[in-house]
PDB file of N, CA and C in Angstrom:
ATOM      1  N   MET A   1       0.843  -1.184   0.000  1.00  0.00           N
ATOM      2  CA  MET A   1       0.000   0.000   0.000  1.00  0.00           C
ATOM      3  C   MET A   1       0.887   1.246   0.000  1.00  0.00           C
ATOM      4  N   GLN A   2       0.504   2.221  -0.822  1.00  0.00           N
ATOM      5  CA  GLN A   2       1.302   3.441  -0.902  1.00  0.00           C
ATOM      6  C   GLN A   2       0.853   4.448   0.143  1.00  0.00           C
ATOM      7  N   ARG A   3       1.821   5.202   0.597  1.00  0.00           N
ATOM      8  CA  ARG A   3       1.528   6.236   1.574  1.00  0.00           C
ATOM      9  C   ARG A   3       0.983   7.478   0.869  1.00  0.00           C
ATOM     10  N   PRO A   4       0.239   8.336   1.586  1.00  0.00           N
ATOM     11  CA  PRO A   4      -0.332   9.536   0.971  1.00  0.00           C
ATOM     12  C   PRO A   4       0.717  10.435   0.314  1.00  0.00           C
ATOM     13  N   LYS A   5       1.900  10.570   0.923  1.00  0.00           N
ATOM     14  CA  LYS A   5       2.938  11.431   0.356  1.00  0.00           C
ATOM     15  C   LYS A   5       3.398  10.899  -1.006  1.00  0.00           C
ATOM     16  N   GLN A   6       3.540   9.564  -1.124  1.00  0.00           N
ATOM     17  CA  GLN A   6       3.922   8.959  -2.401  1.00  0.00           C
ATOM     18  C   GLN A   6       2.837   9.185  -3.445  1.00  0.00           C
ATOM     19  N   ASN A   7       1.571   9.035  -3.045  1.00  0.00           N
ATOM     20  CA  ASN A   7       0.460   9.267  -3.967  1.00  0.00           C
ATOM     21  C   ASN A   7       0.436  10.710  -4.439  1.00  0.00           C
ATOM     22  N   ALA A   8       0.673  11.650  -3.528  1.00  0.00           N
ATOM     23  CA  ALA A   8       0.691  13.068  -3.897  1.00  0.00           C
ATOM     24  C   ALA A   8       1.829  13.350  -4.867  1.00  0.00           C
ATOM     25  N   ARG A   9       2.998  12.761  -4.611  1.00  0.00           N
ATOM     26  CA  ARG A   9       4.155  12.959  -5.489  1.00  0.00           C
ATOM     27  C   ARG A   9       3.882  12.382  -6.876  1.00  0.00           C
ATOM     28  N   ARG A  10       3.294  11.185  -6.900  1.00  0.00           N
ATOM     29  CA  ARG A  10       2.968  10.553  -8.181  1.00  0.00           C
ATOM     30  C   ARG A  10       1.940  11.394  -8.936  1.00  0.00           C
ATOM     31  N   GLY A  11       0.939  11.917  -8.220  1.00  0.00           N
ATOM     32  CA  GLY A  11      -0.070  12.770  -8.852  1.00  0.00           C
ATOM     33  C   GLY A  11       0.540  14.033  -9.424  1.00  0.00           C
ATOM     34  N   LEU A  12       1.472  14.626  -8.694  1.00  0.00           N
ATOM     35  CA  LEU A  12       2.163  15.824  -9.169  1.00  0.00           C
ATOM     36  C   LEU A  12       2.971  15.499 -10.423  1.00  0.00           C
ATOM     37  N   GLY A  13       3.660  14.366 -10.403  1.00  0.00           N
ATOM     38  CA  GLY A  13       4.452  13.955 -11.555  1.00  0.00           C
ATOM     39  C   GLY A  13       3.590  13.693 -12.780  1.00  0.00           C
ATOM     40  N   THR A  14       2.463  13.027 -12.573  1.00  0.00           N
ATOM     41  CA  THR A  14       1.546  12.744 -13.685  1.00  0.00           C
ATOM     42  C   THR A  14       0.996  14.037 -14.268  1.00  0.00           C
ATOM     43  N   ARG A  15       0.628  14.966 -13.404  1.00  0.00           N
ATOM     44  CA  ARG A  15       0.116  16.252 -13.886  1.00  0.00           C
ATOM     45  C   ARG A  15       1.191  16.979 -14.685  1.00  0.00           C
ATOM     46  N   GLY A  16       2.417  16.975 -14.185  1.00  0.00           N
ATOM     47  CA  GLY A  16       3.515  17.610 -14.897  1.00  0.00           C
ATOM     48  C   GLY A  16       3.750  16.988 -16.258  1.00  0.00           C
ATOM     49  N   GLU A  17       3.673  15.660 -16.337  1.00  0.00           N
ATOM     50  CA  GLU A  17       3.872  14.976 -17.617  1.00  0.00           C
ATOM     51  C   GLU A  17       2.779  15.333 -18.615  1.00  0.00           C
ATOM     52  N   LEU A  18       1.539  15.442 -18.147  1.00  0.00           N
ATOM     53  CA  LEU A  18       0.446  15.838 -19.038  1.00  0.00           C
ATOM     54  C   LEU A  18       0.639  17.266 -19.544  1.00  0.00           C
ATOM     55  N   LEU A  19       1.015  18.176 -18.647  1.00  0.00           N
ATOM     56  CA  LEU A  19       1.269  19.564 -19.053  1.00  0.00           C
ATOM     57  C   LEU A  19       2.442  19.638 -20.026  1.00  0.00           C
ATOM     58  N   ALA A  20       3.483  18.857 -19.763  1.00  0.00           N
ATOM     59  CA  ALA A  20       4.656  18.844 -20.645  1.00  0.00           C
ATOM     60  C   ALA A  20       4.288  18.315 -22.025  1.00  0.00           C
ATOM     61  N   ALA A  21       3.525  17.226 -22.072  1.00  0.00           N
ATOM     62  CA  ALA A  21       3.132  16.637 -23.357  1.00  0.00           C
ATOM     63  C   ALA A  21       2.334  17.635 -24.184  1.00  0.00           C
ATOM     64  N   GLU A  22       1.401  18.326 -23.553  1.00  0.00           N
ATOM     65  CA  GLU A  22       0.602  19.323 -24.275  1.00  0.00           C
ATOM     66  C   GLU A  22       1.484  20.467 -24.773  1.00  0.00           C
ATOM     67  N   HIS A  23       2.406  20.907 -23.954  1.00  0.00           N
ATOM     68  CA  HIS A  23       3.323  21.983 -24.340  1.00  0.00           C
ATOM     69  C   HIS A  23       4.174  21.553 -25.543  1.00  0.00           C
ATOM     70  N   LEU A  24       4.677  20.332 -25.506  1.00  0.00           N
ATOM     71  CA  LEU A  24       5.492  19.834 -26.616  1.00  0.00           C
ATOM     72  C   LEU A  24       4.671  19.736 -27.899  1.00  0.00           C
ATOM     73  N   ARG A  25       3.427  19.264 -27.787  1.00  0.00           N
ATOM     74  CA  ARG A  25       2.557  19.195 -28.971  1.00  0.00           C
ATOM     75  C   ARG A  25       2.365  20.577 -29.585  1.00  0.00           C
ATOM     76  N   ARG A  26       2.122  21.562 -28.737  1.00  0.00           N
ATOM     77  CA  ARG A  26       1.932  22.938 -29.235  1.00  0.00           C
ATOM     78  C   ARG A  26       3.185  23.467 -29.916  1.00  0.00           C
ATOM     79  N   ARG A  27       4.345  22.995 -29.497  1.00  0.00           N
ATOM     80  CA  ARG A  27       5.614  23.419 -30.112  1.00  0.00           C
ATOM     81  C   ARG A  27       5.952  22.620 -31.366  1.00  0.00           C
ATOM     82  N   GLY A  28       5.081  21.687 -31.739  1.00  0.00           N
ATOM     83  CA  GLY A  28       5.278  20.951 -32.977  1.00  0.00           C
ATOM     84  C   GLY A  28       5.920  19.587 -32.843  1.00  0.00           C
ATOM     85  N   TYR A  29       6.188  19.148 -31.634  1.00  0.00           N
ATOM     86  CA  TYR A  29       6.725  17.803 -31.435  1.00  0.00           C
ATOM     87  C   TYR A  29       5.616  16.783 -31.743  1.00  0.00           C
ATOM     88  N   ARG A  30       6.001  15.645 -32.276  1.00  0.00           N
ATOM     89  CA  ARG A  30       5.065  14.541 -32.484  1.00  0.00           C
ATOM     90  C   ARG A  30       5.349  13.506 -31.407  1.00  0.00           C
ATOM     91  N   LEU A  31       4.373  13.275 -30.532  1.00  0.00           N
ATOM     92  CA  LEU A  31       4.569  12.332 -29.433  1.00  0.00           C
ATOM     93  C   LEU A  31       4.486  10.896 -29.942  1.00  0.00           C
ATOM     94  N   LEU A  32       5.486  10.092 -29.591  1.00  0.00           N
ATOM     95  CA  LEU A  32       5.552   8.699 -30.015  1.00  0.00           C
ATOM     96  C   LEU A  32       5.195   7.740 -28.888  1.00  0.00           C
ATOM     97  N   ALA A  33       5.577   8.078 -27.660  1.00  0.00           N
ATOM     98  CA  ALA A  33       5.308   7.195 -26.518  1.00  0.00           C
ATOM     99  C   ALA A  33       5.389   7.997 -25.228  1.00  0.00           C
ATOM    100  N   THR A  34       4.650   7.534 -24.235  1.00  0.00           N
ATOM    101  CA  THR A  34       4.773   8.103 -22.893  1.00  0.00           C
ATOM    102  C   THR A  34       5.024   6.959 -21.924  1.00  0.00           C
ATOM    103  N   ASN A  35       5.804   7.256 -20.914  1.00  0.00           N
ATOM    104  CA  ASN A  35       6.133   6.286 -19.869  1.00  0.00           C
ATOM    105  C   ASN A  35       6.654   4.964 -20.450  1.00  0.00           C
ATOM    106  N   TRP A  36       7.619   5.076 -21.367  1.00  0.00           N
ATOM    107  CA  TRP A  36       8.242   3.888 -21.966  1.00  0.00           C
ATOM    108  C   TRP A  36       9.136   3.247 -20.920  1.00  0.00           C
ATOM    109  N   ARG A  37       8.919   1.953 -20.660  1.00  0.00           N
ATOM    110  CA  ARG A  37       9.615   1.276 -19.566  1.00  0.00           C
ATOM    111  C   ARG A  37      10.459   0.104 -20.046  1.00  0.00           C
ATOM    112  N   THR A  38      11.560  -0.072 -19.336  1.00  0.00           N
ATOM    113  CA  THR A  38      12.360  -1.291 -19.433  1.00  0.00           C
ATOM    114  C   THR A  38      12.653  -1.697 -17.991  1.00  0.00           C
ATOM    115  N   ALA A  39      13.350  -2.795 -17.831  1.00  0.00           N
ATOM    116  CA  ALA A  39      13.737  -3.217 -16.482  1.00  0.00           C
ATOM    117  C   ALA A  39      14.664  -2.189 -15.840  1.00  0.00           C
ATOM    118  N   ALA A  40      15.378  -1.426 -16.663  1.00  0.00           N
ATOM    119  CA  ALA A  40      16.343  -0.444 -16.158  1.00  0.00           C
ATOM    120  C   ALA A  40      15.710   0.882 -15.755  1.00  0.00           C
ATOM    121  N   GLY A  41      14.483   1.144 -16.185  1.00  0.00           N
ATOM    122  CA  GLY A  41      13.866   2.417 -15.834  1.00  0.00           C
ATOM    123  C   GLY A  41      12.834   2.862 -16.850  1.00  0.00           C
ATOM    124  N   GLU A  42      12.542   4.160 -16.824  1.00  0.00           N
ATOM    125  CA  GLU A  42      11.458   4.717 -17.630  1.00  0.00           C
ATOM    126  C   GLU A  42      11.873   6.035 -18.257  1.00  0.00           C
ATOM    127  N   ILE A  43      11.393   6.242 -19.475  1.00  0.00           N
ATOM    128  CA  ILE A  43      11.521   7.544 -20.133  1.00  0.00           C
ATOM    129  C   ILE A  43      10.125   8.146 -20.143  1.00  0.00           C
ATOM    130  N   ASP A  44       9.996   9.379 -19.658  1.00  0.00           N
ATOM    131  CA  ASP A  44       8.677   9.999 -19.523  1.00  0.00           C
ATOM    132  C   ASP A  44       7.976  10.169 -20.865  1.00  0.00           C
ATOM    133  N   ILE A  45       8.663  10.779 -21.827  1.00  0.00           N
ATOM    134  CA  ILE A  45       8.065  11.054 -23.138  1.00  0.00           C
ATOM    135  C   ILE A  45       9.112  10.788 -24.214  1.00  0.00           C
ATOM    136  N   ILE A  46       8.674  10.136 -25.283  1.00  0.00           N
ATOM    137  CA  ILE A  46       9.512   9.984 -26.469  1.00  0.00           C
ATOM    138  C   ILE A  46       8.759  10.670 -27.595  1.00  0.00           C
ATOM    139  N   ALA A  47       9.443  11.565 -28.284  1.00  0.00           N
ATOM    140  CA  ALA A  47       8.792  12.371 -29.310  1.00  0.00           C
ATOM    141  C   ALA A  47       9.717  12.539 -30.503  1.00  0.00           C
ATOM    142  N   GLN A  48       9.171  13.164 -31.532  1.00  0.00           N
ATOM    143  CA  GLN A  48       9.985  13.498 -32.687  1.00  0.00           C
ATOM    144  C   GLN A  48       9.827  14.988 -32.940  1.00  0.00           C
ATOM    145  N   ASP A  49      10.954  15.659 -33.112  1.00  0.00           N
ATOM    146  CA  ASP A  49      10.994  17.091 -33.409  1.00  0.00           C
ATOM    147  C   ASP A  49      11.688  17.222 -34.758  1.00  0.00           C
ATOM    148  N   GLY A  50      10.897  17.367 -35.818  1.00  0.00           N
ATOM    149  CA  GLY A  50      11.473  17.347 -37.159  1.00  0.00           C
ATOM    150  C   GLY A  50      12.032  15.966 -37.434  1.00  0.00           C
ATOM    151  N   ASP A  51      13.312  15.903 -37.776  1.00  0.00           N
ATOM    152  CA  ASP A  51      13.971  14.626 -38.058  1.00  0.00           C
ATOM    153  C   ASP A  51      14.744  14.089 -36.857  1.00  0.00           C
ATOM    154  N   THR A  52      14.483  14.633 -35.683  1.00  0.00           N
ATOM    155  CA  THR A  52      15.239  14.251 -34.487  1.00  0.00           C
ATOM    156  C   THR A  52      14.348  13.514 -33.496  1.00  0.00           C
ATOM    157  N   LEU A  53      14.834  12.375 -33.035  1.00  0.00           N
ATOM    158  CA  LEU A  53      14.173  11.624 -31.978  1.00  0.00           C
ATOM    159  C   LEU A  53      14.522  12.298 -30.652  1.00  0.00           C
ATOM    160  N   VAL A  54      13.518  12.548 -29.828  1.00  0.00           N
ATOM    161  CA  VAL A  54      13.735  13.282 -28.584  1.00  0.00           C
ATOM    162  C   VAL A  54      13.230  12.460 -27.399  1.00  0.00           C
ATOM    163  N   PHE A  55      14.130  12.248 -26.443  1.00  0.00           N
ATOM    164  CA  PHE A  55      13.791  11.588 -25.191  1.00  0.00           C
ATOM    165  C   PHE A  55      13.623  12.692 -24.160  1.00  0.00           C
ATOM    166  N   VAL A  56      12.483  12.699 -23.482  1.00  0.00           N
ATOM    167  CA  VAL A  56      12.145  13.820 -22.607  1.00  0.00           C
ATOM    168  C   VAL A  56      12.010  13.357 -21.159  1.00  0.00           C
ATOM    169  N   GLU A  57      12.755  14.018 -20.295  1.00  0.00           N
ATOM    170  CA  GLU A  57      12.618  13.839 -18.847  1.00  0.00           C
ATOM    171  C   GLU A  57      11.814  15.025 -18.333  1.00  0.00           C
ATOM    172  N   VAL A  58      10.700  14.748 -17.664  1.00  0.00           N
ATOM    173  CA  VAL A  58       9.848  15.806 -17.128  1.00  0.00           C
ATOM    174  C   VAL A  58      10.128  15.936 -15.639  1.00  0.00           C
ATOM    175  N   ARG A  59      10.378  17.152 -15.199  1.00  0.00           N
ATOM    176  CA  ARG A  59      10.601  17.434 -13.780  1.00  0.00           C
ATOM    177  C   ARG A  59       9.585  18.475 -13.348  1.00  0.00           C
ATOM    178  N   THR A  60       8.839  18.155 -12.297  1.00  0.00           N
ATOM    179  CA  THR A  60       7.769  19.026 -11.822  1.00  0.00           C
ATOM    180  C   THR A  60       8.020  19.396 -10.371  1.00  0.00           C
ATOM    181  N   ARG A  61       7.829  20.651 -10.059  1.00  0.00           N
ATOM    182  CA  ARG A  61       7.973  21.140  -8.684  1.00  0.00           C
ATOM    183  C   ARG A  61       6.800  22.056  -8.359  1.00  0.00           C
ATOM    184  N   ARG A  62       6.379  21.969  -7.115  1.00  0.00           N
ATOM    185  CA  ARG A  62       5.369  22.892  -6.585  1.00  0.00           C
ATOM    186  C   ARG A  62       6.108  23.803  -5.625  1.00  0.00           C
ATOM    187  N   GLY A  63       6.226  25.067  -5.988  1.00  0.00           N
ATOM    188  CA  GLY A  63       7.017  26.001  -5.192  1.00  0.00           C
ATOM    189  C   GLY A  63       8.498  25.794  -5.463  1.00  0.00           C
ATOM    190  N   THR A  64       9.321  26.617  -4.859  1.00  0.00           N
ATOM    191  CA  THR A  64      10.764  26.547  -5.128  1.00  0.00           C
ATOM    192  C   THR A  64      11.563  26.148  -3.895  1.00  0.00           C
ATOM    193  N   GLY A  65      10.917  25.578  -2.905  1.00  0.00           N
ATOM    194  CA  GLY A  65      11.597  25.196  -1.675  1.00  0.00           C
ATOM    195  C   GLY A  65      12.702  24.172  -1.860  1.00  0.00           C
ATOM    196  N   PHE A  66      12.604  23.369  -2.898  1.00  0.00           N
ATOM    197  CA  PHE A  66      13.619  22.346  -3.149  1.00  0.00           C
ATOM    198  C   PHE A  66      14.425  22.651  -4.406  1.00  0.00           C
ATOM    199  N   GLY A  67      14.443  23.897  -4.837  1.00  0.00           N
ATOM    200  CA  GLY A  67      15.177  24.265  -6.045  1.00  0.00           C
ATOM    201  C   GLY A  67      14.300  24.130  -7.278  1.00  0.00           C
ATOM    202  N   SER A  68      14.869  24.508  -8.410  1.00  0.00           N
ATOM    203  CA  SER A  68      14.107  24.467  -9.654  1.00  0.00           C
ATOM    204  C   SER A  68      13.997  23.029 -10.157  1.00  0.00           C
ATOM    205  N   PRO A  69      12.993  22.757 -10.976  1.00  0.00           N
ATOM    206  CA  PRO A  69      12.833  21.395 -11.490  1.00  0.00           C
ATOM    207  C   PRO A  69      14.060  20.898 -12.247  1.00  0.00           C
ATOM    208  N   GLU A  70      14.621  21.745 -13.089  1.00  0.00           N
ATOM    209  CA  GLU A  70      15.750  21.308 -13.915  1.00  0.00           C
ATOM    210  C   GLU A  70      17.000  21.005 -13.094  1.00  0.00           C
ATOM    211  N   GLU A  71      17.125  21.614 -11.922  1.00  0.00           N
ATOM    212  CA  GLU A  71      18.281  21.353 -11.057  1.00  0.00           C
ATOM    213  C   GLU A  71      18.257  19.943 -10.473  1.00  0.00           C
ATOM    214  N   SER A  72      17.111  19.292 -10.543  1.00  0.00           N
ATOM    215  CA  SER A  72      16.978  17.976  -9.914  1.00  0.00           C
ATOM    216  C   SER A  72      17.439  16.819 -10.811  1.00  0.00           C
ATOM    217  N   VAL A  73      17.920  17.115 -12.001  1.00  0.00           N
ATOM    218  CA  VAL A  73      18.418  16.051 -12.890  1.00  0.00           C
ATOM    219  C   VAL A  73      19.894  15.832 -12.564  1.00  0.00           C
ATOM    220  N   THR A  74      20.154  14.828 -11.751  1.00  0.00           N
ATOM    221  CA  THR A  74      21.509  14.548 -11.271  1.00  0.00           C
ATOM    222  C   THR A  74      22.355  13.887 -12.358  1.00  0.00           C
ATOM    223  N   ALA A  75      23.655  13.809 -12.112  1.00  0.00           N
ATOM    224  CA  ALA A  75      24.560  13.126 -13.043  1.00  0.00           C
ATOM    225  C   ALA A  75      24.160  11.658 -13.191  1.00  0.00           C
ATOM    226  N   ALA A  76      23.755  11.031 -12.098  1.00  0.00           N
ATOM    227  CA  ALA A  76      23.319   9.627 -12.161  1.00  0.00           C
ATOM    228  C   ALA A  76      22.070   9.489 -13.028  1.00  0.00           C
ATOM    229  N   LYS A  77      21.129  10.419 -12.882  1.00  0.00           N
ATOM    230  CA  LYS A  77      19.910  10.382 -13.694  1.00  0.00           C
ATOM    231  C   LYS A  77      20.255  10.611 -15.160  1.00  0.00           C
ATOM    232  N   GLN A  78      21.187  11.517 -15.437  1.00  0.00           N
ATOM    233  CA  GLN A  78      21.600  11.764 -16.817  1.00  0.00           C
ATOM    234  C   GLN A  78      22.184  10.500 -17.442  1.00  0.00           C
ATOM    235  N   ALA A  79      23.035   9.804 -16.712  1.00  0.00           N
ATOM    236  CA  ALA A  79      23.629   8.562 -17.220  1.00  0.00           C
ATOM    237  C   ALA A  79      22.543   7.517 -17.486  1.00  0.00           C
ATOM    238  N   LYS A  80      21.566   7.445 -16.598  1.00  0.00           N
ATOM    239  CA  LYS A  80      20.465   6.499 -16.775  1.00  0.00           C
ATOM    240  C   LYS A  80      19.641   6.845 -18.011  1.00  0.00           C
ATOM    241  N   LEU A  81      19.385   8.136 -18.222  1.00  0.00           N
ATOM    242  CA  LEU A  81      18.624   8.566 -19.396  1.00  0.00           C
ATOM    243  C   LEU A  81      19.348   8.202 -20.688  1.00  0.00           C
ATOM    244  N   ILE A  82      20.656   8.377 -20.707  1.00  0.00           N
ATOM    245  CA  ILE A  82      21.442   8.023 -21.896  1.00  0.00           C
ATOM    246  C   ILE A  82      21.332   6.525 -22.166  1.00  0.00           C
ATOM    247  N   ALA A  83      21.469   5.716 -21.121  1.00  0.00           N
ATOM    248  CA  ALA A  83      21.365   4.259 -21.277  1.00  0.00           C
ATOM    249  C   ALA A  83      19.974   3.855 -21.762  1.00  0.00           C
ATOM    250  N   LEU A  84      18.935   4.484 -21.227  1.00  0.00           N
ATOM    251  CA  LEU A  84      17.568   4.176 -21.652  1.00  0.00           C
ATOM    252  C   LEU A  84      17.337   4.591 -23.100  1.00  0.00           C
ATOM    253  N   ALA A  85      17.860   5.751 -23.485  1.00  0.00           N
ATOM    254  CA  ALA A  85      17.722   6.212 -24.872  1.00  0.00           C
ATOM    255  C   ALA A  85      18.392   5.227 -25.824  1.00  0.00           C
ATOM    256  N   GLU A  86      19.560   4.760 -25.457  1.00  0.00           N
ATOM    257  CA  GLU A  86      20.266   3.787 -26.299  1.00  0.00           C
ATOM    258  C   GLU A  86      19.497   2.471 -26.385  1.00  0.00           C
ATOM    259  N   ALA A  87      18.880   2.051 -25.290  1.00  0.00           N
ATOM    260  CA  ALA A  87      18.065   0.828 -25.299  1.00  0.00           C
ATOM    261  C   ALA A  87      16.867   0.991 -26.230  1.00  0.00           C
ATOM    262  N   TYR A  88      16.219   2.149 -26.177  1.00  0.00           N
ATOM    263  CA  TYR A  88      15.075   2.409 -27.061  1.00  0.00           C
ATOM    264  C   TYR A  88      15.516   2.350 -28.516  1.00  0.00           C
ATOM    265  N   ARG A  89      16.633   2.979 -28.817  1.00  0.00           N
ATOM    266  CA  ARG A  89      17.124   3.009 -30.198  1.00  0.00           C
ATOM    267  C   ARG A  89      17.458   1.605 -30.698  1.00  0.00           C
ATOM    268  N   GLN A  90      17.967   0.747 -29.827  1.00  0.00           N
ATOM    269  CA  GLN A  90      18.245  -0.638 -30.227  1.00  0.00           C
ATOM    270  C   GLN A  90      16.955  -1.398 -30.530  1.00  0.00           C
ATOM    271  N   GLU A  91      15.920  -1.129 -29.745  1.00  0.00           N
ATOM    272  CA  GLU A  91      14.628  -1.795 -29.955  1.00  0.00           C
ATOM    273  C   GLU A  91      13.868  -1.228 -31.143  1.00  0.00           C
ATOM    274  N   HIS A  92      14.216  -0.013 -31.560  1.00  0.00           N
ATOM    275  CA  HIS A  92      13.503   0.670 -32.646  1.00  0.00           C
ATOM    276  C   HIS A  92      14.499   1.150 -33.701  1.00  0.00           C
ATOM    277  N   PRO A  93      15.080   0.227 -34.459  1.00  0.00           N
ATOM    278  CA  PRO A  93      16.104   0.612 -35.436  1.00  0.00           C
ATOM    279  C   PRO A  93      15.578   1.520 -36.549  1.00  0.00           C
ATOM    280  N   GLN A  94      14.262   1.564 -36.745  1.00  0.00           N
ATOM    281  CA  GLN A  94      13.677   2.428 -37.770  1.00  0.00           C
ATOM    282  C   GLN A  94      13.566   3.884 -37.303  1.00  0.00           C
ATOM    283  N   ALA A  95      13.825   4.132 -36.043  1.00  0.00           N
ATOM    284  CA  ALA A  95      13.722   5.494 -35.488  1.00  0.00           C
ATOM    285  C   ALA A  95      14.784   6.389 -36.120  1.00  0.00           C
ATOM    286  N   PRO A  96      14.524   7.699 -36.133  1.00  0.00           N
ATOM    287  CA  PRO A  96      15.515   8.623 -36.708  1.00  0.00           C
ATOM    288  C   PRO A  96      16.894   8.436 -36.080  1.00  0.00           C
ATOM    289  N   GLU A  97      17.911   8.618 -36.892  1.00  0.00           N
ATOM    290  CA  GLU A  97      19.296   8.449 -36.425  1.00  0.00           C
ATOM    291  C   GLU A  97      19.693   9.557 -35.442  1.00  0.00           C
ATOM    292  N   ALA A  98      19.296  10.790 -35.753  1.00  0.00           N
ATOM    293  CA  ALA A  98      19.625  11.923 -34.874  1.00  0.00           C
ATOM    294  C   ALA A  98      18.739  11.859 -33.633  1.00  0.00           C
ATOM    295  N   TRP A  99      19.340  12.099 -32.470  1.00  0.00           N
ATOM    296  CA  TRP A  99      18.555  12.081 -31.238  1.00  0.00           C
ATOM    297  C   TRP A  99      19.177  13.008 -30.205  1.00  0.00           C
ATOM    298  N   ARG A 100      18.338  13.359 -29.233  1.00  0.00           N
ATOM    299  CA  ARG A 100      18.796  14.198 -28.125  1.00  0.00           C
ATOM    300  C   ARG A 100      17.918  13.916 -26.912  1.00  0.00           C
ATOM    301  N   ILE A 101      18.381  14.428 -25.776  1.00  0.00           N
ATOM    302  CA  ILE A 101      17.603  14.310 -24.539  1.00  0.00           C
ATOM    303  C   ILE A 101      17.275  15.719 -24.059  1.00  0.00           C
ATOM    304  N   ASP A 102      15.988  15.991 -23.943  1.00  0.00           N
ATOM    305  CA  ASP A 102      15.503  17.273 -23.442  1.00  0.00           C
ATOM    306  C   ASP A 102      14.980  17.084 -22.023  1.00  0.00           C
ATOM    307  N   VAL A 103      14.975  18.167 -21.279  1.00  0.00           N
ATOM    308  CA  VAL A 103      14.315  18.196 -19.977  1.00  0.00           C
ATOM    309  C   VAL A 103      13.205  19.231 -20.063  1.00  0.00           C
ATOM    310  N   VAL A 104      12.021  18.865 -19.619  1.00  0.00           N
ATOM    311  CA  VAL A 104      10.925  19.823 -19.525  1.00  0.00           C
ATOM    312  C   VAL A 104      10.725  20.121 -18.047  1.00  0.00           C
ATOM    313  N   ALA A 105      10.888  21.387 -17.700  1.00  0.00           N
ATOM    314  CA  ALA A 105      10.714  21.845 -16.323  1.00  0.00           C
ATOM    315  C   ALA A 105       9.309  22.419 -16.173  1.00  0.00           C
ATOM    316  N   VAL A 106       8.540  21.847 -15.264  1.00  0.00           N
ATOM    317  CA  VAL A 106       7.183  22.314 -14.986  1.00  0.00           C
ATOM    318  C   VAL A 106       7.180  22.834 -13.557  1.00  0.00           C
ATOM    319  N   GLU A 107       6.791  24.079 -13.411  1.00  0.00           N
ATOM    320  CA  GLU A 107       6.752  24.681 -12.078  1.00  0.00           C
ATOM    321  C   GLU A 107       5.332  25.141 -11.781  1.00  0.00           C
ATOM    322  N   LEU A 108       4.842  24.719 -10.619  1.00  0.00           N
ATOM    323  CA  LEU A 108       3.519  25.108 -10.157  1.00  0.00           C
ATOM    324  C   LEU A 108       3.666  26.006  -8.939  1.00  0.00           C
ATOM    325  N   THR A 109       2.673  26.851  -8.713  1.00  0.00           N
ATOM    326  CA  THR A 109       2.675  27.652  -7.493  1.00  0.00           C
ATOM    327  C   THR A 109       2.382  26.716  -6.322  1.00  0.00           C
ATOM    328  N   PRO A 110       2.632  27.163  -5.087  1.00  0.00           N
ATOM    329  CA  PRO A 110       2.277  26.317  -3.933  1.00  0.00           C
ATOM    330  C   PRO A 110       0.793  25.930  -3.922  1.00  0.00           C
ATOM    331  N   GLN A 111      -0.050  26.753  -4.564  1.00  0.00           N
ATOM    332  CA  GLN A 111      -1.479  26.455  -4.637  1.00  0.00           C
ATOM    333  C   GLN A 111      -1.813  25.502  -5.787  1.00  0.00           C
ATOM    334  N   GLY A 112      -0.822  25.172  -6.617  1.00  0.00           N
ATOM    335  CA  GLY A 112      -1.042  24.214  -7.692  1.00  0.00           C
ATOM    336  C   GLY A 112      -1.320  24.803  -9.057  1.00  0.00           C
ATOM    337  N   ARG A 113      -1.259  26.134  -9.188  1.00  0.00           N
ATOM    338  CA  ARG A 113      -1.473  26.753 -10.498  1.00  0.00           C
ATOM    339  C   ARG A 113      -0.187  26.699 -11.312  1.00  0.00           C
ATOM    340  N   LEU A 114      -0.337  26.554 -12.613  1.00  0.00           N
ATOM    341  CA  LEU A 114       0.822  26.488 -13.496  1.00  0.00           C
ATOM    342  C   LEU A 114       1.544  27.826 -13.515  1.00  0.00           C
ATOM    343  N   GLU A 115       2.836  27.783 -13.238  1.00  0.00           N
ATOM    344  CA  GLU A 115       3.653  28.989 -13.270  1.00  0.00           C
ATOM    345  C   GLU A 115       4.494  29.051 -14.539  1.00  0.00           C
ATOM    346  N   ARG A 116       5.120  27.918 -14.913  1.00  0.00           N
ATOM    347  CA  ARG A 116       5.922  27.915 -16.142  1.00  0.00           C
ATOM    348  C   ARG A 116       6.153  26.493 -16.625  1.00  0.00           C
ATOM    349  N   VAL A 117       6.370  26.390 -17.936  1.00  0.00           N
ATOM    350  CA  VAL A 117       6.813  25.156 -18.576  1.00  0.00           C
ATOM    351  C   VAL A 117       7.942  25.565 -19.507  1.00  0.00           C
ATOM    352  N   ASP A 118       9.128  25.048 -19.274  1.00  0.00           N
ATOM    353  CA  ASP A 118      10.293  25.357 -20.108  1.00  0.00           C
ATOM    354  C   ASP A 118      10.856  24.073 -20.687  1.00  0.00           C
ATOM    355  N   VAL A 119      11.211  24.131 -21.970  1.00  0.00           N
ATOM    356  CA  VAL A 119      11.867  23.005 -22.630  1.00  0.00           C
ATOM    357  C   VAL A 119      13.343  23.338 -22.750  1.00  0.00           C
ATOM    358  N   LEU A 120      14.174  22.505 -22.167  1.00  0.00           N
ATOM    359  CA  LEU A 120      15.623  22.677 -22.244  1.00  0.00           C
ATOM    360  C   LEU A 120      16.146  21.628 -23.218  1.00  0.00           C
ATOM    361  N   GLN A 121      16.353  22.063 -24.460  1.00  0.00           N
ATOM    362  CA  GLN A 121      16.806  21.134 -25.488  1.00  0.00           C
ATOM    363  C   GLN A 121      18.251  20.733 -25.242  1.00  0.00           C
ATOM    364  N   ASN A 122      18.559  19.473 -25.553  1.00  0.00           N
ATOM    365  CA  ASN A 122      19.914  18.947 -25.369  1.00  0.00           C
ATOM    366  C   ASN A 122      20.421  19.152 -23.947  1.00  0.00           C
ATOM    367  N   ALA A 123      19.528  19.010 -22.984  1.00  0.00           N
ATOM    368  CA  ALA A 123      19.897  19.243 -21.588  1.00  0.00           C
ATOM    369  C   ALA A 123      20.869  18.194 -21.071  1.00  0.00           C
ATOM    370  N   VAL A 124      20.848  17.022 -21.696  1.00  0.00           N
ATOM    371  CA  VAL A 124      21.751  15.939 -21.315  1.00  0.00           C
ATOM    372  C   VAL A 124      22.613  15.626 -22.522  1.00  0.00           C
ATOM    373  N   GLU A 125      23.905  15.770 -22.364  1.00  0.00           N
ATOM    374  CA  GLU A 125      24.838  15.496 -23.464  1.00  0.00           C
ATOM    375  C   GLU A 125      25.190  14.019 -23.486  1.00  0.00           C
ATOM    376  N   ALA A 126      24.930  13.386 -24.612  1.00  0.00           N
ATOM    377  CA  ALA A 126      25.226  11.948 -24.745  1.00  0.00           C
ATOM    378  C   ALA A 126      26.630  11.738 -25.282  1.00  0.00           C
TER     379      ALA A 126
END
């Protein structure tokens, strides 16, 4: 059984992913998959931006008490994202050759209203 704090965190993350997906669609990205999973982990969003395959990590924060969303992507998380992107590319050889990893930062006010959505292209260097 999950604790209320875990449920709240998961709900916040899901809301952030939905807001990020809509923002990416408006910017012209074509969404290919959400919550793509392997035994090693998960990629929040996989999309295509022109001829480039884009792996998207969504980070959502309510308030700034724990820093900005984009600051929470650690070196370990970056390495994991690169490994997951490579696994996806192996499973999908027809996917575009060019690829990158973006981070979408979603920030909500303490009351839960949307404050900003920023796309940081090539946020993780492979």
